[in-house]
Amino acid sequence: MQEFNTNPPGSAVLTSEREIRRVTWWGFSGNIVLSVFKIVAGIAGHSQSVVADGIHSLSDTVTDVAVIAGSYYWSRPPDQDHPYGHKRLETTVSIFIGVILFAAGALIGWEAVSSLDEPDNDIPGIIAPIAAAISIVTKEWMYRWTRAVGKRINSLALSANAWHHRLDAFSSVPVLVAVGVIMVRPTWVLLDHLAAFFVAILICYAAIRIILSGFKELNDQGAPLEVCEQIRDIVLTHPSVRQVHDIRTRYTGNSLQVDLHVVVDSSMTVYEGHQVAENIKARVIADGPDVIDVVVHVEPMESAKPGVACR
């Protein structure tokens, strides 16, 4: 019988968490510098939308701290109180990021609407569009880098934080346009308020998507049918498996925990059945779609069930 070995996950997990912290620390430093620069530039350049954009960047630092602090905890191995590990904290952190984003967006939107009737005769200075342009370039680069690392190590929290960077870049685009138009057409100063409100809508929309994605996982949403079928096909490559049924999945972070039943020859010994289960577990973890654990129930031919394998 062919053996399929997998490396212990501990070293890989620790490497991933160190990578998360390294990337996020760089993002945190960049957000601090950008936030201060945009807020100062917005005040000096008489632009409410640039100040609002700076506040948005400042909210990024809160989520950076949450990711860094959380990564020290969710990388811990299972213990007596948490037999399935601590990866759900990563989901909780991503929901926290969404809540912070939504609060920042709501605050910016309220400021933009409530200040519409205030007299505003100041024309933005050149520092305002410069700050917005620098923010677009910097935050888009931070998004691409963070997103690439998050995708490579399969981190839900890092991917959510990456979108926080991109939203910051997107939010600076209407700010840049509005400030530029006002400098050419001073009577169109209302655009500064409208740009700030548009930024708020973008932020709140992204926040809701992040929050809903996290809640789906906390409610034990299973993997899509195509993922379930991929797991079934991997299991059926084992020569001793006659049938696989009742495949159940649930996400922990971006990884899957799998439960499944396999039917084998009734004459197989307990030891042989155990070896089959261990080999199937190794195969699914090695070749499956980001699977971290598999529970295999071995059953005799008399337990074969008609119908689909996935539940």
Protein backbone atom coordinates (compact mmCIF):
# COMPACT_ATOMS: atom_id res chain seq x y z
CA MET A 1 0.00 0.00 0.00
CA GLN A 2 1.45 3.38 -1.02
CA GLU A 3 2.09 5.86 1.78
CA PHE A 4 1.40 9.56 1.42
CA ASN A 5 3.22 11.71 3.95
CA THR A 6 2.66 15.36 4.68
CA ASN A 7 4.88 17.75 6.58
CA PRO A 8 3.71 18.83 10.01
CA PRO A 9 1.72 22.03 9.63
CA GLY A 10 3.32 23.81 12.58
CA SER A 11 6.40 25.19 10.81
CA ALA A 12 4.38 26.33 7.79
CA VAL A 13 1.83 28.06 10.02
CA LEU A 14 4.52 29.91 11.95
CA THR A 15 6.16 31.02 8.70
CA SER A 16 2.80 32.31 7.42
CA GLU A 17 2.11 34.26 10.59
CA ARG A 18 5.58 35.83 10.51
CA GLU A 19 4.92 36.84 6.90
CA ILE A 20 1.56 38.35 7.91
CA ARG A 21 3.21 40.42 10.62
CA ARG A 22 6.06 41.55 8.37
CA VAL A 23 3.74 42.77 5.63
CA THR A 24 1.31 44.37 8.06
CA TRP A 25 4.05 46.21 9.97
CA TRP A 26 5.18 47.77 6.70
CA GLY A 27 1.58 48.69 5.92
CA PHE A 28 1.15 50.18 9.40
CA SER A 29 4.21 52.40 8.94
CA GLY A 30 3.05 53.52 5.52
CA ASN A 31 -0.45 54.30 6.81
CA ILE A 32 0.89 56.45 9.65
CA VAL A 33 3.00 58.53 7.26
CA LEU A 34 0.21 58.86 4.68
CA SER A 35 -2.42 59.73 7.30
CA VAL A 36 -0.39 62.55 8.82
CA PHE A 37 0.61 63.85 5.39
CA LYS A 38 -2.96 63.90 4.01
CA ILE A 39 -4.53 65.43 7.11
CA VAL A 40 -1.90 68.18 7.24
CA ALA A 41 -2.15 68.69 3.47
CA GLY A 42 -5.94 68.83 3.67
CA ILE A 43 -5.89 71.45 6.43
CA ALA A 44 -3.16 73.50 4.76
CA GLY A 45 -4.78 73.10 1.35
CA HIS A 46 -8.33 73.88 2.59
CA SER A 47 -9.81 70.58 1.37
CA GLN A 48 -12.36 68.67 3.44
CA SER A 49 -12.16 65.64 1.16
CA VAL A 50 -8.38 65.33 1.58
CA VAL A 51 -8.75 65.54 5.36
CA ALA A 52 -11.46 62.86 5.17
CA ASP A 53 -9.14 60.71 3.07
CA GLY A 54 -6.45 61.12 5.72
CA ILE A 55 -8.86 59.97 8.42
CA HIS A 56 -9.66 56.93 6.30
CA SER A 57 -5.95 56.10 6.11
CA LEU A 58 -5.73 56.52 9.87
CA SER A 59 -8.45 53.88 10.29
CA ASP A 60 -6.16 51.50 8.40
CA THR A 61 -3.69 51.64 11.28
CA VAL A 62 -6.35 50.27 13.65
CA THR A 63 -6.91 47.24 11.43
CA ASP A 64 -3.17 46.77 11.01
CA VAL A 65 -2.79 46.52 14.79
CA ALA A 66 -5.69 44.05 14.92
CA VAL A 67 -4.07 41.80 12.30
CA ILE A 68 -0.66 41.92 13.98
CA ALA A 69 -2.05 41.19 17.45
CA GLY A 70 -4.43 38.51 16.19
CA SER A 71 -1.72 36.67 14.26
CA TYR A 72 0.09 35.89 17.52
CA TYR A 73 -3.02 34.12 18.80
CA TRP A 74 -4.65 32.36 15.83
CA SER A 75 -1.36 30.63 14.96
CA ARG A 76 -1.38 28.74 18.27
CA PRO A 77 -1.90 24.97 18.06
CA PRO A 78 -5.10 23.33 19.36
CA ASP A 79 -5.41 23.07 23.13
CA GLN A 80 -7.87 21.64 25.66
CA ASP A 81 -10.22 24.61 25.40
CA HIS A 82 -9.85 25.01 21.62
CA PRO A 83 -9.53 21.49 20.16
CA TYR A 84 -10.05 22.79 16.62
CA GLY A 85 -7.39 25.47 16.94
CA HIS A 86 -7.72 29.26 17.01
CA LYS A 87 -8.14 30.12 13.33
CA ARG A 88 -11.66 31.46 13.86
CA LEU A 89 -10.01 34.48 15.50
CA GLU A 90 -8.71 35.41 12.06
CA THR A 91 -12.31 35.57 10.87
CA THR A 92 -13.23 37.65 13.91
CA VAL A 93 -10.40 40.06 13.11
CA SER A 94 -11.59 40.39 9.50
CA ILE A 95 -15.11 41.23 10.78
CA PHE A 96 -13.56 43.77 13.14
CA ILE A 97 -11.79 45.33 10.16
CA GLY A 98 -15.14 45.58 8.39
CA VAL A 99 -16.78 47.25 11.41
CA ILE A 100 -13.95 49.80 11.69
CA LEU A 101 -14.22 50.50 7.97
CA PHE A 102 -17.97 51.02 8.20
CA ALA A 103 -17.60 53.38 11.18
CA ALA A 104 -14.96 55.41 9.34
CA GLY A 105 -17.16 55.61 6.25
CA ALA A 106 -20.21 56.67 8.24
CA LEU A 107 -18.21 59.39 10.03
CA ILE A 108 -16.82 60.75 6.77
CA GLY A 109 -20.28 60.72 5.17
CA TRP A 110 -21.83 62.52 8.13
CA GLU A 111 -19.14 65.20 8.08
CA ALA A 112 -19.62 65.73 4.35
CA VAL A 113 -23.42 66.11 4.64
CA SER A 114 -23.49 68.16 7.84
CA SER A 115 -21.02 70.72 6.49
CA LEU A 116 -22.88 71.40 3.23
CA ASP A 117 -24.53 74.54 4.59
CA GLU A 118 -21.33 75.94 6.07
CA PRO A 119 -19.66 78.81 4.20
CA ASP A 120 -16.64 77.55 2.32
CA ASN A 121 -14.88 80.11 0.16
CA ASP A 122 -11.36 78.73 0.43
CA ILE A 123 -9.90 77.34 -2.78
CA PRO A 124 -7.73 74.22 -2.28
CA GLY A 125 -3.99 74.76 -2.50
CA ILE A 126 -1.67 72.73 -4.72
CA ILE A 127 -0.63 70.56 -1.75
CA ALA A 128 -4.12 68.98 -1.66
CA PRO A 129 -4.08 67.29 -5.11
CA ILE A 130 -0.42 66.33 -4.62
CA ALA A 131 -1.33 64.51 -1.40
CA ALA A 132 -4.21 62.71 -3.13
CA ALA A 133 -2.00 61.64 -6.07
CA ILE A 134 0.74 60.30 -3.77
CA SER A 135 -1.89 58.40 -1.79
CA ILE A 136 -3.29 56.71 -4.92
CA VAL A 137 0.10 55.43 -6.07
CA THR A 138 1.30 54.36 -2.62
CA LYS A 139 -1.89 52.63 -1.50
CA GLU A 140 -2.35 50.77 -4.80
CA TRP A 141 1.19 49.41 -4.45
CA MET A 142 0.48 48.40 -0.83
CA TYR A 143 -2.72 46.67 -1.97
CA ARG A 144 -0.98 44.64 -4.67
CA TRP A 145 1.81 43.54 -2.36
CA THR A 146 -0.46 42.68 0.59
CA ARG A 147 -2.99 40.92 -1.65
CA ALA A 148 -0.26 38.82 -3.31
CA VAL A 149 1.13 37.68 0.05
CA GLY A 150 -2.37 37.04 1.45
CA LYS A 151 -3.26 34.91 -1.56
CA ARG A 152 0.03 33.00 -1.42
CA ILE A 153 -0.29 32.07 2.26
CA ASN A 154 -4.11 31.90 2.15
CA SER A 155 -4.80 34.48 4.87
CA LEU A 156 -8.35 35.82 5.17
CA ALA A 157 -7.36 38.69 7.46
CA LEU A 158 -4.44 39.78 5.27
CA SER A 159 -6.65 39.71 2.17
CA ALA A 160 -9.27 41.83 3.97
CA ASN A 161 -6.58 44.28 5.02
CA ALA A 162 -5.34 44.41 1.42
CA TRP A 163 -8.77 45.57 0.29
CA HIS A 164 -8.57 48.24 2.97
CA HIS A 165 -5.49 49.56 1.13
CA ARG A 166 -7.22 49.46 -2.25
CA LEU A 167 -10.29 51.25 -0.92
CA ASP A 168 -7.98 53.97 0.35
CA ALA A 169 -6.49 54.25 -3.15
CA PHE A 170 -9.95 54.31 -4.76
CA SER A 171 -11.18 56.90 -2.30
CA SER A 172 -8.36 59.24 -3.28
CA VAL A 173 -9.36 59.22 -6.97
CA PRO A 174 -12.59 61.27 -6.63
CA VAL A 175 -10.77 63.48 -4.13
CA LEU A 176 -8.05 64.21 -6.68
CA VAL A 177 -10.62 64.90 -9.41
CA ALA A 178 -12.76 67.14 -7.22
CA VAL A 179 -9.86 69.19 -5.88
CA GLY A 180 -8.42 69.57 -9.37
CA VAL A 181 -11.75 70.78 -10.79
CA ILE A 182 -12.23 73.26 -7.92
CA MET A 183 -8.79 74.75 -8.53
CA VAL A 184 -9.82 75.40 -12.14
CA ARG A 185 -13.46 76.30 -11.34
CA PRO A 186 -13.49 77.93 -7.88
CA THR A 187 -17.30 78.29 -7.90
CA TRP A 188 -17.63 74.48 -7.90
CA VAL A 189 -16.43 74.18 -4.31
CA LEU A 190 -19.42 71.91 -3.55
CA LEU A 191 -17.54 69.11 -5.33
CA ASP A 192 -15.21 68.81 -2.36
CA HIS A 193 -18.14 67.81 -0.13
CA LEU A 194 -19.57 65.47 -2.77
CA ALA A 195 -16.21 63.75 -3.20
CA ALA A 196 -15.97 63.20 0.56
CA PHE A 197 -19.48 61.69 0.57
CA PHE A 198 -18.64 59.41 -2.39
CA VAL A 199 -15.57 58.20 -0.49
CA ALA A 200 -17.85 57.35 2.45
CA ILE A 201 -20.16 55.25 0.24
CA LEU A 202 -17.21 53.27 -1.17
CA ILE A 203 -15.87 52.58 2.30
CA CYS A 204 -19.21 51.43 3.72
CA TYR A 205 -19.84 49.15 0.73
CA ALA A 206 -16.49 47.40 1.14
CA ALA A 207 -17.05 47.11 4.90
CA ILE A 208 -20.41 45.38 4.46
CA ARG A 209 -18.88 42.84 2.04
CA ILE A 210 -16.09 42.01 4.51
CA ILE A 211 -18.52 41.66 7.44
CA LEU A 212 -20.94 39.41 5.52
CA SER A 213 -18.07 37.19 4.34
CA GLY A 214 -16.93 36.71 7.93
CA PHE A 215 -20.42 35.94 9.21
CA LYS A 216 -20.85 33.25 6.54
CA GLU A 217 -17.83 31.44 7.93
CA LEU A 218 -18.92 31.83 11.55
CA ASN A 219 -22.20 30.19 10.53
CA ASP A 220 -20.24 27.15 9.26
CA GLN A 221 -20.98 27.69 5.59
CA GLY A 222 -19.69 24.74 3.57
CA ALA A 223 -17.47 24.80 0.51
CA PRO A 224 -19.00 25.13 -2.98
CA LEU A 225 -20.13 21.97 -4.77
CA GLU A 226 -17.14 21.98 -7.12
CA VAL A 227 -14.76 21.90 -4.14
CA CYS A 228 -16.70 19.00 -2.62
CA GLU A 229 -16.50 17.13 -5.91
CA GLN A 230 -12.76 17.76 -6.08
CA ILE A 231 -12.36 16.16 -2.64
CA ARG A 232 -14.51 13.21 -3.73
CA ASP A 233 -12.34 12.64 -6.81
CA ILE A 234 -9.17 12.67 -4.68
CA VAL A 235 -10.62 10.08 -2.29
CA LEU A 236 -11.74 7.81 -5.13
CA THR A 237 -8.15 7.56 -6.40
CA HIS A 238 -7.40 5.29 -3.44
CA PRO A 239 -7.55 1.67 -4.71
CA SER A 240 -9.32 0.35 -1.59
CA VAL A 241 -12.20 2.84 -1.70
CA ARG A 242 -15.40 1.49 -3.24
CA GLN A 243 -17.53 4.54 -2.52
CA VAL A 244 -17.38 7.93 -0.78
CA HIS A 245 -20.45 9.67 0.62
CA ASP A 246 -21.63 12.24 3.17
CA ILE A 247 -18.79 14.69 2.53
CA ARG A 248 -19.18 17.70 4.81
CA THR A 249 -16.97 20.78 4.89
CA ARG A 250 -16.63 23.95 6.89
CA TYR A 251 -14.22 26.85 6.72
CA THR A 252 -11.75 27.79 9.43
CA GLY A 253 -10.17 31.00 8.22
CA ASN A 254 -9.56 30.31 4.54
CA SER A 255 -8.88 26.63 5.18
CA LEU A 256 -11.26 23.67 5.17
CA GLN A 257 -12.09 21.01 7.71
CA VAL A 258 -13.58 17.91 6.07
CA ASP A 259 -15.74 15.04 7.29
CA LEU A 260 -16.38 12.09 4.95
CA HIS A 261 -17.40 8.42 4.85
CA VAL A 262 -15.66 5.80 2.70
CA VAL A 263 -16.87 2.31 1.89
CA VAL A 264 -14.26 -0.49 1.75
CA ASP A 265 -14.26 -4.27 1.40
CA SER A 266 -16.05 -5.90 4.35
CA SER A 267 -13.21 -8.40 4.88
CA MET A 268 -10.70 -5.66 5.64
CA THR A 269 -9.18 -5.75 9.14
CA VAL A 270 -9.43 -2.86 11.56
CA TYR A 271 -5.73 -2.12 11.07
CA GLU A 272 -6.07 -2.10 7.29
CA GLY A 273 -9.11 0.17 7.53
CA HIS A 274 -7.15 2.54 9.74
CA GLN A 275 -4.30 2.65 7.20
CA VAL A 276 -6.78 3.44 4.44
CA ALA A 277 -8.22 6.31 6.50
CA GLU A 278 -4.75 7.71 7.23
CA ASN A 279 -3.76 7.57 3.57
CA ILE A 280 -6.98 9.27 2.47
CA LYS A 281 -6.44 12.01 5.04
CA ALA A 282 -2.89 12.55 3.78
CA ARG A 283 -4.04 12.66 0.14
CA VAL A 284 -6.81 15.18 0.74
CA ILE A 285 -4.56 17.46 2.81
CA ALA A 286 -1.75 17.25 0.25
CA ASP A 287 -3.84 17.61 -2.93
CA GLY A 288 -7.07 19.19 -1.73
CA PRO A 289 -8.14 22.86 -1.79
CA ASP A 290 -6.44 24.23 1.35
CA VAL A 291 -7.59 21.43 3.64
CA ILE A 292 -6.14 21.41 7.17
CA ASP A 293 -7.93 18.44 8.69
CA VAL A 294 -9.91 15.39 7.53
CA VAL A 295 -12.02 12.98 9.58
CA VAL A 296 -12.52 9.71 7.69
CA HIS A 297 -15.24 7.24 8.70
CA VAL A 298 -14.51 3.75 7.33
CA GLU A 299 -17.57 1.61 6.57
CA PRO A 300 -18.12 -1.90 5.10
CA MET A 301 -19.74 -2.57 1.73
CA GLU A 302 -23.09 -3.12 3.43
CA SER A 303 -23.13 0.63 4.27
CA ALA A 304 -22.91 1.76 0.66
CA LYS A 305 -25.42 4.50 -0.17
CA PRO A 306 -26.87 5.48 -3.52
CA GLY A 307 -26.89 9.12 -4.60
CA VAL A 308 -24.47 12.03 -4.44
CA ALA A 309 -21.39 12.10 -2.25
CA CYS A 310 -21.66 15.70 -1.09
CA ARG A 311 -24.12 16.87 1.55
